[in-house]
Amino acid sequence: AIYEDSVEGRFTISRDNAKNTAYLQMNNLKPEDTATYFCAARQGTVY
């Protein structure tokens, strides 16, 4: 996992392959986190 600097230490991305599901645990949310959040996928390397 890699993170944008402003969420490092607050957010955790994880996956459960048995459920075909990805998660984003967001702790200590701040007003500047307000947004529409999109899930995305690609084949291959993390970018």
ModelCIF file with pLDDT and N, C-alpha, C, O atoms, coordinates in Angstrom:
data_MODEL
#
_entry.id   MODEL 
#
_entity.id                         1 
_entity.type                       polymer 
_entity.pdbx_number_of_molecules   1 
#
_entity_poly.entity_id                      1 
_entity_poly.type                           'polypeptide(L)' 
_entity_poly.nstd_linkage                   no 
_entity_poly.nstd_monomer                   no 
_entity_poly.pdbx_seq_one_letter_code       AIYEDSVEGRFTISRDNAKNTAYLQMNNLKPEDTATYFCAARQGTVY 
_entity_poly.pdbx_seq_one_letter_code_can   AIYEDSVEGRFTISRDNAKNTAYLQMNNLKPEDTATYFCAARQGTVY 
_entity_poly.pdbx_strand_id                 A 
#
loop_
_entity_poly_seq.entity_id 
_entity_poly_seq.num 
_entity_poly_seq.mon_id 
_entity_poly_seq.hetero 
1 1  ALA n 
1 2  ILE n 
1 3  TYR n 
1 4  GLU n 
1 5  ASP n 
1 6  SER n 
1 7  VAL n 
1 8  GLU n 
1 9  GLY n 
1 10 ARG n 
1 11 PHE n 
1 12 THR n 
1 13 ILE n 
1 14 SER n 
1 15 ARG n 
1 16 ASP n 
1 17 ASN n 
1 18 ALA n 
1 19 LYS n 
1 20 ASN n 
1 21 THR n 
1 22 ALA n 
1 23 TYR n 
1 24 LEU n 
1 25 GLN n 
1 26 MET n 
1 27 ASN n 
1 28 ASN n 
1 29 LEU n 
1 30 LYS n 
1 31 PRO n 
1 32 GLU n 
1 33 ASP n 
1 34 THR n 
1 35 ALA n 
1 36 THR n 
1 37 TYR n 
1 38 PHE n 
1 39 CYS n 
1 40 ALA n 
1 41 ALA n 
1 42 ARG n 
1 43 GLN n 
1 44 GLY n 
1 45 THR n 
1 46 VAL n 
1 47 TYR n 
#
_struct_asym.id          A 
_struct_asym.entity_id   1 
#
loop_
_ma_qa_metric.id 
_ma_qa_metric.mode 
_ma_qa_metric.name 
_ma_qa_metric.software_group_id 
_ma_qa_metric.type 
1 global pLDDT . pLDDT 
2 local  pLDDT . pLDDT 
#
_ma_qa_metric_global.metric_id      1 
_ma_qa_metric_global.metric_value   96.98 
_ma_qa_metric_global.model_id       1 
_ma_qa_metric_global.ordinal_id     1 
#
loop_
_ma_qa_metric_local.label_asym_id 
_ma_qa_metric_local.label_comp_id 
_ma_qa_metric_local.label_seq_id 
_ma_qa_metric_local.metric_id 
_ma_qa_metric_local.metric_value 
_ma_qa_metric_local.model_id 
_ma_qa_metric_local.ordinal_id 
A ALA 1  2 97.00 1 1  
A ILE 2  2 97.00 1 2  
A TYR 3  2 98.00 1 3  
A GLU 4  2 98.00 1 4  
A ASP 5  2 97.00 1 5  
A SER 6  2 96.00 1 6  
A VAL 7  2 97.00 1 7  
A GLU 8  2 96.00 1 8  
A GLY 9  2 97.00 1 9  
A ARG 10 2 98.00 1 10 
A PHE 11 2 98.00 1 11 
A THR 12 2 98.00 1 12 
A ILE 13 2 98.00 1 13 
A SER 14 2 97.00 1 14 
A ARG 15 2 96.00 1 15 
A ASP 16 2 96.00 1 16 
A ASN 17 2 95.00 1 17 
A ALA 18 2 95.00 1 18 
A LYS 19 2 97.00 1 19 
A ASN 20 2 97.00 1 20 
A THR 21 2 97.00 1 21 
A ALA 22 2 97.00 1 22 
A TYR 23 2 98.00 1 23 
A LEU 24 2 98.00 1 24 
A GLN 25 2 98.00 1 25 
A MET 26 2 98.00 1 26 
A ASN 27 2 98.00 1 27 
A ASN 28 2 98.00 1 28 
A LEU 29 2 98.00 1 29 
A LYS 30 2 98.00 1 30 
A PRO 31 2 98.00 1 31 
A GLU 32 2 97.00 1 32 
A ASP 33 2 98.00 1 33 
A THR 34 2 98.00 1 34 
A ALA 35 2 98.00 1 35 
A THR 36 2 98.00 1 36 
A TYR 37 2 98.00 1 37 
A PHE 38 2 98.00 1 38 
A CYS 39 2 98.00 1 39 
A ALA 40 2 98.00 1 40 
A ALA 41 2 97.00 1 41 
A ARG 42 2 97.00 1 42 
A GLN 43 2 94.00 1 43 
A GLY 44 2 90.00 1 44 
A THR 45 2 93.00 1 45 
A VAL 46 2 96.00 1 46 
A TYR 47 2 96.00 1 47 
#
loop_
_atom_site.group_PDB 
_atom_site.id 
_atom_site.type_symbol 
_atom_site.label_atom_id 
_atom_site.label_alt_id 
_atom_site.label_comp_id 
_atom_site.label_asym_id 
_atom_site.label_entity_id 
_atom_site.label_seq_id 
_atom_site.pdbx_PDB_ins_code 
_atom_site.Cartn_x 
_atom_site.Cartn_y 
_atom_site.Cartn_z 
_atom_site.occupancy 
_atom_site.B_iso_or_equiv 
_atom_site.pdbx_formal_charge 
_atom_site.auth_seq_id 
_atom_site.auth_comp_id 
_atom_site.auth_asym_id 
_atom_site.auth_atom_id 
_atom_site.pdbx_PDB_model_num 
ATOM 1   N N  . ALA A 1 1  ? 0.809   -1.218  0.000   1.00 97.00 ? 1  ALA A N  1 
ATOM 2   C CA . ALA A 1 1  ? 0.000   0.000   0.000   1.00 97.00 ? 1  ALA A CA 1 
ATOM 3   C C  . ALA A 1 1  ? 0.842   1.267   0.000   1.00 97.00 ? 1  ALA A C  1 
ATOM 4   O O  . ALA A 1 1  ? 1.885   1.333   0.650   1.00 97.00 ? 1  ALA A O  1 
ATOM 5   N N  . ILE A 1 2  ? 0.379   2.268   -0.734  1.00 97.00 ? 2  ILE A N  1 
ATOM 6   C CA . ILE A 1 2  ? 0.979   3.597   -0.732  1.00 97.00 ? 2  ILE A CA 1 
ATOM 7   C C  . ILE A 1 2  ? -0.120  4.627   -0.514  1.00 97.00 ? 2  ILE A C  1 
ATOM 8   O O  . ILE A 1 2  ? -1.294  4.364   -0.778  1.00 97.00 ? 2  ILE A O  1 
ATOM 9   N N  . TYR A 1 3  ? 0.276   5.816   -0.024  1.00 98.00 ? 3  TYR A N  1 
ATOM 10  C CA . TYR A 1 3  ? -0.690  6.826   0.379   1.00 98.00 ? 3  TYR A CA 1 
ATOM 11  C C  . TYR A 1 3  ? -0.251  8.221   -0.032  1.00 98.00 ? 3  TYR A C  1 
ATOM 12  O O  . TYR A 1 3  ? 0.941   8.507   -0.145  1.00 98.00 ? 3  TYR A O  1 
ATOM 13  N N  . GLU A 1 4  ? -1.236  9.083   -0.252  1.00 98.00 ? 4  GLU A N  1 
ATOM 14  C CA . GLU A 1 4  ? -0.979  10.493  -0.392  1.00 98.00 ? 4  GLU A CA 1 
ATOM 15  C C  . GLU A 1 4  ? -0.583  11.050  0.980   1.00 98.00 ? 4  GLU A C  1 
ATOM 16  O O  . GLU A 1 4  ? -1.069  10.582  2.009   1.00 98.00 ? 4  GLU A O  1 
ATOM 17  N N  . ASP A 1 5  ? 0.297   12.046  0.984   1.00 97.00 ? 5  ASP A N  1 
ATOM 18  C CA . ASP A 1 5  ? 0.882   12.502  2.242   1.00 97.00 ? 5  ASP A CA 1 
ATOM 19  C C  . ASP A 1 5  ? -0.160  12.962  3.264   1.00 97.00 ? 5  ASP A C  1 
ATOM 20  O O  . ASP A 1 5  ? 0.003   12.717  4.459   1.00 97.00 ? 5  ASP A O  1 
ATOM 21  N N  . SER A 1 6  ? -1.212  13.617  2.816   1.00 96.00 ? 6  SER A N  1 
ATOM 22  C CA . SER A 1 6  ? -2.173  14.195  3.747   1.00 96.00 ? 6  SER A CA 1 
ATOM 23  C C  . SER A 1 6  ? -3.016  13.154  4.476   1.00 96.00 ? 6  SER A C  1 
ATOM 24  O O  . SER A 1 6  ? -3.645  13.471  5.486   1.00 96.00 ? 6  SER A O  1 
ATOM 25  N N  . VAL A 1 7  ? -3.037  11.916  3.980   1.00 97.00 ? 7  VAL A N  1 
ATOM 26  C CA . VAL A 1 7  ? -3.822  10.871  4.638   1.00 97.00 ? 7  VAL A CA 1 
ATOM 27  C C  . VAL A 1 7  ? -2.940  9.825   5.301   1.00 97.00 ? 7  VAL A C  1 
ATOM 28  O O  . VAL A 1 7  ? -3.450  8.943   5.992   1.00 97.00 ? 7  VAL A O  1 
ATOM 29  N N  . GLU A 1 8  ? -1.644  9.904   5.109   1.00 96.00 ? 8  GLU A N  1 
ATOM 30  C CA . GLU A 1 8  ? -0.715  8.953   5.710   1.00 96.00 ? 8  GLU A CA 1 
ATOM 31  C C  . GLU A 1 8  ? -0.904  8.933   7.224   1.00 96.00 ? 8  GLU A C  1 
ATOM 32  O O  . GLU A 1 8  ? -0.897  9.977   7.876   1.00 96.00 ? 8  GLU A O  1 
ATOM 33  N N  . GLY A 1 9  ? -1.072  7.734   7.771   1.00 97.00 ? 9  GLY A N  1 
ATOM 34  C CA . GLY A 1 9  ? -1.270  7.591   9.204   1.00 97.00 ? 9  GLY A CA 1 
ATOM 35  C C  . GLY A 1 9  ? -2.707  7.699   9.658   1.00 97.00 ? 9  GLY A C  1 
ATOM 36  O O  . GLY A 1 9  ? -3.023  7.358   10.798  1.00 97.00 ? 9  GLY A O  1 
ATOM 37  N N  . ARG A 1 10 ? -3.586  8.169   8.783   1.00 98.00 ? 10 ARG A N  1 
ATOM 38  C CA . ARG A 1 10 ? -5.009  8.269   9.113   1.00 98.00 ? 10 ARG A CA 1 
ATOM 39  C C  . ARG A 1 10 ? -5.849  7.270   8.334   1.00 98.00 ? 10 ARG A C  1 
ATOM 40  O O  . ARG A 1 10 ? -6.808  6.713   8.868   1.00 98.00 ? 10 ARG A O  1 
ATOM 41  N N  . PHE A 1 11 ? -5.498  7.040   7.082   1.00 98.00 ? 11 PHE A N  1 
ATOM 42  C CA . PHE A 1 11 ? -6.261  6.149   6.212   1.00 98.00 ? 11 PHE A CA 1 
ATOM 43  C C  . PHE A 1 11 ? -5.496  4.848   6.013   1.00 98.00 ? 11 PHE A C  1 
ATOM 44  O O  . PHE A 1 11 ? -4.265  4.831   6.015   1.00 98.00 ? 11 PHE A O  1 
ATOM 45  N N  . THR A 1 12 ? -6.239  3.760   5.842   1.00 98.00 ? 12 THR A N  1 
ATOM 46  C CA . THR A 1 12 ? -5.647  2.465   5.542   1.00 98.00 ? 12 THR A CA 1 
ATOM 47  C C  . THR A 1 12 ? -6.416  1.807   4.409   1.00 98.00 ? 12 THR A C  1 
ATOM 48  O O  . THR A 1 12 ? -7.631  1.630   4.498   1.00 98.00 ? 12 THR A O  1 
ATOM 49  N N  . ILE A 1 13 ? -5.712  1.447   3.346   1.00 98.00 ? 13 ILE A N  1 
ATOM 50  C CA . ILE A 1 13 ? -6.319  0.696   2.262   1.00 98.00 ? 13 ILE A CA 1 
ATOM 51  C C  . ILE A 1 13 ? -6.014  -0.782  2.466   1.00 98.00 ? 13 ILE A C  1 
ATOM 52  O O  . ILE A 1 13 ? -4.914  -1.145  2.881   1.00 98.00 ? 13 ILE A O  1 
ATOM 53  N N  . SER A 1 14 ? -6.983  -1.620  2.173   1.00 97.00 ? 14 SER A N  1 
ATOM 54  C CA . SER A 1 14 ? -6.795  -3.056  2.299   1.00 97.00 ? 14 SER A CA 1 
ATOM 55  C C  . SER A 1 14 ? -7.677  -3.773  1.292   1.00 97.00 ? 14 SER A C  1 
ATOM 56  O O  . SER A 1 14 ? -8.526  -3.165  0.641   1.00 97.00 ? 14 SER A O  1 
ATOM 57  N N  . ARG A 1 15 ? -7.463  -5.063  1.176   1.00 96.00 ? 15 ARG A N  1 
ATOM 58  C CA . ARG A 1 15 ? -8.261  -5.842  0.238   1.00 96.00 ? 15 ARG A CA 1 
ATOM 59  C C  . ARG A 1 15 ? -8.583  -7.198  0.830   1.00 96.00 ? 15 ARG A C  1 
ATOM 60  O O  . ARG A 1 15 ? -7.813  -7.749  1.617   1.00 96.00 ? 15 ARG A O  1 
ATOM 61  N N  . ASP A 1 16 ? -9.726  -7.727  0.444   1.00 96.00 ? 16 ASP A N  1 
ATOM 62  C CA . ASP A 1 16 ? -10.145 -9.062  0.818   1.00 96.00 ? 16 ASP A CA 1 
ATOM 63  C C  . ASP A 1 16 ? -10.428 -9.795  -0.483  1.00 96.00 ? 16 ASP A C  1 
ATOM 64  O O  . ASP A 1 16 ? -11.497 -9.640  -1.075  1.00 96.00 ? 16 ASP A O  1 
ATOM 65  N N  . ASN A 1 17 ? -9.472  -10.589 -0.921  1.00 95.00 ? 17 ASN A N  1 
ATOM 66  C CA . ASN A 1 17 ? -9.596  -11.243 -2.217  1.00 95.00 ? 17 ASN A CA 1 
ATOM 67  C C  . ASN A 1 17 ? -10.731 -12.267 -2.247  1.00 95.00 ? 17 ASN A C  1 
ATOM 68  O O  . ASN A 1 17 ? -11.322 -12.504 -3.300  1.00 95.00 ? 17 ASN A O  1 
ATOM 69  N N  . ALA A 1 18 ? -11.037 -12.868 -1.109  1.00 95.00 ? 18 ALA A N  1 
ATOM 70  C CA . ALA A 1 18 ? -12.127 -13.828 -1.047  1.00 95.00 ? 18 ALA A CA 1 
ATOM 71  C C  . ALA A 1 18 ? -13.480 -13.177 -1.300  1.00 95.00 ? 18 ALA A C  1 
ATOM 72  O O  . ALA A 1 18 ? -14.420 -13.842 -1.737  1.00 95.00 ? 18 ALA A O  1 
ATOM 73  N N  . LYS A 1 19 ? -13.583 -11.882 -1.027  1.00 97.00 ? 19 LYS A N  1 
ATOM 74  C CA . LYS A 1 19 ? -14.829 -11.148 -1.213  1.00 97.00 ? 19 LYS A CA 1 
ATOM 75  C C  . LYS A 1 19 ? -14.800 -10.205 -2.404  1.00 97.00 ? 19 LYS A C  1 
ATOM 76  O O  . LYS A 1 19 ? -15.762 -9.471  -2.632  1.00 97.00 ? 19 LYS A O  1 
ATOM 77  N N  . ASN A 1 20 ? -13.716 -10.211 -3.165  1.00 97.00 ? 20 ASN A N  1 
ATOM 78  C CA . ASN A 1 20 ? -13.551 -9.284  -4.289  1.00 97.00 ? 20 ASN A CA 1 
ATOM 79  C C  . ASN A 1 20 ? -13.821 -7.844  -3.864  1.00 97.00 ? 20 ASN A C  1 
ATOM 80  O O  . ASN A 1 20 ? -14.516 -7.099  -4.556  1.00 97.00 ? 20 ASN A O  1 
ATOM 81  N N  . THR A 1 21 ? -13.268 -7.469  -2.728  1.00 97.00 ? 21 THR A N  1 
ATOM 82  C CA . THR A 1 21 ? -13.576 -6.174  -2.136  1.00 97.00 ? 21 THR A CA 1 
ATOM 83  C C  . THR A 1 21 ? -12.316 -5.457  -1.686  1.00 97.00 ? 21 THR A C  1 
ATOM 84  O O  . THR A 1 21 ? -11.412 -6.065  -1.113  1.00 97.00 ? 21 THR A O  1 
ATOM 85  N N  . ALA A 1 22 ? -12.265 -4.158  -1.953  1.00 97.00 ? 22 ALA A N  1 
ATOM 86  C CA . ALA A 1 22 ? -11.249 -3.279  -1.407  1.00 97.00 ? 22 ALA A CA 1 
ATOM 87  C C  . ALA A 1 22 ? -11.892 -2.353  -0.391  1.00 97.00 ? 22 ALA A C  1 
ATOM 88  O O  . ALA A 1 22 ? -13.072 -2.022  -0.497  1.00 97.00 ? 22 ALA A O  1 
ATOM 89  N N  . TYR A 1 23 ? -11.109 -1.939  0.592   1.00 98.00 ? 23 TYR A N  1 
ATOM 90  C CA . TYR A 1 23 ? -11.604 -1.073  1.647   1.00 98.00 ? 23 TYR A CA 1 
ATOM 91  C C  . TYR A 1 23 ? -10.710 0.142   1.795   1.00 98.00 ? 23 TYR A C  1 
ATOM 92  O O  . TYR A 1 23 ? -9.522  0.108   1.473   1.00 98.00 ? 23 TYR A O  1 
ATOM 93  N N  . LEU A 1 24 ? -11.304 1.212   2.287   1.00 98.00 ? 24 LEU A N  1 
ATOM 94  C CA . LEU A 1 24 ? -10.548 2.367   2.728   1.00 98.00 ? 24 LEU A CA 1 
ATOM 95  C C  . LEU A 1 24 ? -11.056 2.742   4.109   1.00 98.00 ? 24 LEU A C  1 
ATOM 96  O O  . LEU A 1 24 ? -12.139 3.310   4.249   1.00 98.00 ? 24 LEU A O  1 
ATOM 97  N N  . GLN A 1 25 ? -10.271 2.424   5.128   1.00 98.00 ? 25 GLN A N  1 
ATOM 98  C CA . GLN A 1 25 ? -10.589 2.818   6.492   1.00 98.00 ? 25 GLN A CA 1 
ATOM 99  C C  . GLN A 1 25 ? -10.072 4.233   6.702   1.00 98.00 ? 25 GLN A C  1 
ATOM 100 O O  . GLN A 1 25 ? -8.877  4.490   6.557   1.00 98.00 ? 25 GLN A O  1 
ATOM 101 N N  . MET A 1 26 ? -10.961 5.139   7.040   1.00 98.00 ? 26 MET A N  1 
ATOM 102 C CA . MET A 1 26 ? -10.622 6.545   7.195   1.00 98.00 ? 26 MET A CA 1 
ATOM 103 C C  . MET A 1 26 ? -10.858 6.944   8.643   1.00 98.00 ? 26 MET A C  1 
ATOM 104 O O  . MET A 1 26 ? -11.997 6.981   9.108   1.00 98.00 ? 26 MET A O  1 
ATOM 105 N N  . ASN A 1 27 ? -9.781  7.242   9.350   1.00 98.00 ? 27 ASN A N  1 
ATOM 106 C CA . ASN A 1 27 ? -9.849  7.659   10.742  1.00 98.00 ? 27 ASN A CA 1 
ATOM 107 C C  . ASN A 1 27 ? -9.470  9.125   10.878  1.00 98.00 ? 27 ASN A C  1 
ATOM 108 O O  . ASN A 1 27 ? -8.805  9.695   10.012  1.00 98.00 ? 27 ASN A O  1 
ATOM 109 N N  . ASN A 1 28 ? -9.906  9.725   11.980  1.00 98.00 ? 28 ASN A N  1 
ATOM 110 C CA . ASN A 1 28 ? -9.591  11.129  12.255  1.00 98.00 ? 28 ASN A CA 1 
ATOM 111 C C  . ASN A 1 28 ? -9.886  12.015  11.048  1.00 98.00 ? 28 ASN A C  1 
ATOM 112 O O  . ASN A 1 28 ? -9.038  12.791  10.608  1.00 98.00 ? 28 ASN A O  1 
ATOM 113 N N  . LEU A 1 29 ? -11.082 11.887  10.532  1.00 98.00 ? 29 LEU A N  1 
ATOM 114 C CA . LEU A 1 29 ? -11.454 12.644  9.344   1.00 98.00 ? 29 LEU A CA 1 
ATOM 115 C C  . LEU A 1 29 ? -11.447 14.140  9.604   1.00 98.00 ? 29 LEU A C  1 
ATOM 116 O O  . LEU A 1 29 ? -11.766 14.606  10.698  1.00 98.00 ? 29 LEU A O  1 
ATOM 117 N N  . LYS A 1 30 ? -11.076 14.875  8.570   1.00 98.00 ? 30 LYS A N  1 
ATOM 118 C CA . LYS A 1 30 ? -10.988 16.326  8.625   1.00 98.00 ? 30 LYS A CA 1 
ATOM 119 C C  . LYS A 1 30 ? -11.912 16.927  7.578   1.00 98.00 ? 30 LYS A C  1 
ATOM 120 O O  . LYS A 1 30 ? -12.227 16.265  6.590   1.00 98.00 ? 30 LYS A O  1 
ATOM 121 N N  . PRO A 1 31 ? -12.352 18.164  7.770   1.00 98.00 ? 31 PRO A N  1 
ATOM 122 C CA . PRO A 1 31 ? -13.210 18.791  6.757   1.00 98.00 ? 31 PRO A CA 1 
ATOM 123 C C  . PRO A 1 31 ? -12.605 18.776  5.356   1.00 98.00 ? 31 PRO A C  1 
ATOM 124 O O  . PRO A 1 31 ? -13.337 18.654  4.374   1.00 98.00 ? 31 PRO A O  1 
ATOM 125 N N  . GLU A 1 32 ? -11.299 18.897  5.248   1.00 97.00 ? 32 GLU A N  1 
ATOM 126 C CA . GLU A 1 32 ? -10.657 18.884  3.947   1.00 97.00 ? 32 GLU A CA 1 
ATOM 127 C C  . GLU A 1 32 ? -10.674 17.521  3.264   1.00 97.00 ? 32 GLU A C  1 
ATOM 128 O O  . GLU A 1 32 ? -10.288 17.408  2.101   1.00 97.00 ? 32 GLU A O  1 
ATOM 129 N N  . ASP A 1 33 ? -11.119 16.478  3.981   1.00 98.00 ? 33 ASP A N  1 
ATOM 130 C CA . ASP A 1 33 ? -11.321 15.171  3.372   1.00 98.00 ? 33 ASP A CA 1 
ATOM 131 C C  . ASP A 1 33 ? -12.644 15.083  2.622   1.00 98.00 ? 33 ASP A C  1 
ATOM 132 O O  . ASP A 1 33 ? -12.891 14.097  1.927   1.00 98.00 ? 33 ASP A O  1 
ATOM 133 N N  . THR A 1 34 ? -13.485 16.079  2.747   1.00 98.00 ? 34 THR A N  1 
ATOM 134 C CA . THR A 1 34 ? -14.779 16.075  2.079   1.00 98.00 ? 34 THR A CA 1 
ATOM 135 C C  . THR A 1 34 ? -14.596 16.007  0.566   1.00 98.00 ? 34 THR A C  1 
ATOM 136 O O  . THR A 1 34 ? -13.909 16.842  -0.022  1.00 98.00 ? 34 THR A O  1 
ATOM 137 N N  . ALA A 1 35 ? -15.214 15.009  -0.055  1.00 98.00 ? 35 ALA A N  1 
ATOM 138 C CA . ALA A 1 35 ? -15.068 14.791  -1.488  1.00 98.00 ? 35 ALA A CA 1 
ATOM 139 C C  . ALA A 1 35 ? -15.922 13.606  -1.892  1.00 98.00 ? 35 ALA A C  1 
ATOM 140 O O  . ALA A 1 35 ? -16.450 12.882  -1.048  1.00 98.00 ? 35 ALA A O  1 
ATOM 141 N N  . THR A 1 36 ? -16.048 13.421  -3.193  1.00 98.00 ? 36 THR A N  1 
ATOM 142 C CA . THR A 1 36 ? -16.546 12.162  -3.718  1.00 98.00 ? 36 THR A CA 1 
ATOM 143 C C  . THR A 1 36 ? -15.364 11.219  -3.856  1.00 98.00 ? 36 THR A C  1 
ATOM 144 O O  . THR A 1 36 ? -14.355 11.564  -4.470  1.00 98.00 ? 36 THR A O  1 
ATOM 145 N N  . TYR A 1 37 ? -15.488 10.038  -3.287  1.00 98.00 ? 37 TYR A N  1 
ATOM 146 C CA . TYR A 1 37 ? -14.413 9.062   -3.310  1.00 98.00 ? 37 TYR A CA 1 
ATOM 147 C C  . TYR A 1 37 ? -14.707 7.996   -4.354  1.00 98.00 ? 37 TYR A C  1 
ATOM 148 O O  . TYR A 1 37 ? -15.800 7.430   -4.393  1.00 98.00 ? 37 TYR A O  1 
ATOM 149 N N  . PHE A 1 38 ? -13.724 7.731   -5.193  1.00 98.00 ? 38 PHE A N  1 
ATOM 150 C CA . PHE A 1 38 ? -13.854 6.788   -6.290  1.00 98.00 ? 38 PHE A CA 1 
ATOM 151 C C  . PHE A 1 38 ? -12.902 5.617   -6.109  1.00 98.00 ? 38 PHE A C  1 
ATOM 152 O O  . PHE A 1 38 ? -11.736 5.800   -5.762  1.00 98.00 ? 38 PHE A O  1 
ATOM 153 N N  . CYS A 1 39 ? -13.401 4.429   -6.343  1.00 98.00 ? 39 CYS A N  1 
ATOM 154 C CA . CYS A 1 39 ? -12.577 3.249   -6.435  1.00 98.00 ? 39 CYS A CA 1 
ATOM 155 C C  . CYS A 1 39 ? -12.090 3.100   -7.870  1.00 98.00 ? 39 CYS A C  1 
ATOM 156 O O  . CYS A 1 39 ? -12.836 3.357   -8.815  1.00 98.00 ? 39 CYS A O  1 
ATOM 157 N N  . ALA A 1 40 ? -10.839 2.686   -8.027  1.00 98.00 ? 40 ALA A N  1 
ATOM 158 C CA . ALA A 1 40 ? -10.263 2.497   -9.345  1.00 98.00 ? 40 ALA A CA 1 
ATOM 159 C C  . ALA A 1 40 ? -9.416  1.235   -9.356  1.00 98.00 ? 40 ALA A C  1 
ATOM 160 O O  . ALA A 1 40 ? -8.967  0.766   -8.311  1.00 98.00 ? 40 ALA A O  1 
ATOM 161 N N  . ALA A 1 41 ? -9.203  0.693   -10.544 1.00 97.00 ? 41 ALA A N  1 
ATOM 162 C CA . ALA A 1 41 ? -8.415  -0.526  -10.673 1.00 97.00 ? 41 ALA A CA 1 
ATOM 163 C C  . ALA A 1 41 ? -7.637  -0.524  -11.973 1.00 97.00 ? 41 ALA A C  1 
ATOM 164 O O  . ALA A 1 41 ? -8.031  0.108   -12.954 1.00 97.00 ? 41 ALA A O  1 
ATOM 165 N N  . ARG A 1 42 ? -6.532  -1.240  -11.964 1.00 97.00 ? 42 ARG A N  1 
ATOM 166 C CA . ARG A 1 42 ? -5.730  -1.458  -13.147 1.00 97.00 ? 42 ARG A CA 1 
ATOM 167 C C  . ARG A 1 42 ? -5.043  -2.798  -13.033 1.00 97.00 ? 42 ARG A C  1 
ATOM 168 O O  . ARG A 1 42 ? -4.927  -3.356  -11.942 1.00 97.00 ? 42 ARG A O  1 
ATOM 169 N N  . GLN A 1 43 ? -4.592  -3.308  -14.144 1.00 94.00 ? 43 GLN A N  1 
ATOM 170 C CA . GLN A 1 43 ? -3.769  -4.508  -14.148 1.00 94.00 ? 43 GLN A CA 1 
ATOM 171 C C  . GLN A 1 43 ? -2.316  -4.089  -13.995 1.00 94.00 ? 43 GLN A C  1 
ATOM 172 O O  . GLN A 1 43 ? -1.816  -3.264  -14.759 1.00 94.00 ? 43 GLN A O  1 
ATOM 173 N N  . GLY A 1 44 ? -1.636  -4.665  -12.997 1.00 90.00 ? 44 GLY A N  1 
ATOM 174 C CA . GLY A 1 44 ? -0.204  -4.446  -12.875 1.00 90.00 ? 44 GLY A CA 1 
ATOM 175 C C  . GLY A 1 44 ? 0.193   -3.525  -11.745 1.00 90.00 ? 44 GLY A C  1 
ATOM 176 O O  . GLY A 1 44 ? -0.449  -3.479  -10.696 1.00 90.00 ? 44 GLY A O  1 
ATOM 177 N N  . THR A 1 45 ? 1.267   -2.791  -11.983 1.00 93.00 ? 45 THR A N  1 
ATOM 178 C CA . THR A 1 45 ? 1.995   -2.040  -10.972 1.00 93.00 ? 45 THR A CA 1 
ATOM 179 C C  . THR A 1 45 ? 1.160   -0.971  -10.283 1.00 93.00 ? 45 THR A C  1 
ATOM 180 O O  . THR A 1 45 ? 0.280   -0.363  -10.892 1.00 93.00 ? 45 THR A O  1 
ATOM 181 N N  . VAL A 1 46 ? 1.446   -0.752  -9.009  1.00 96.00 ? 46 VAL A N  1 
ATOM 182 C CA . VAL A 1 46 ? 0.825   0.319   -8.240  1.00 96.00 ? 46 VAL A CA 1 
ATOM 183 C C  . VAL A 1 46 ? 1.357   1.666   -8.713  1.00 96.00 ? 46 VAL A C  1 
ATOM 184 O O  . VAL A 1 46 ? 2.568   1.882   -8.743  1.00 96.00 ? 46 VAL A O  1 
ATOM 185 N N  . TYR A 1 47 ? 0.453   2.574   -9.083  1.00 96.00 ? 47 TYR A N  1 
ATOM 186 C CA . TYR A 1 47 ? 0.782   3.938   -9.457  1.00 96.00 ? 47 TYR A CA 1 
ATOM 187 C C  . TYR A 1 47 ? -0.123  4.886   -8.707  1.00 96.00 ? 47 TYR A C  1 
ATOM 188 O O  . TYR A 1 47 ? -0.018  6.101   -8.872  1.00 96.00 ? 47 TYR A O  1 
#
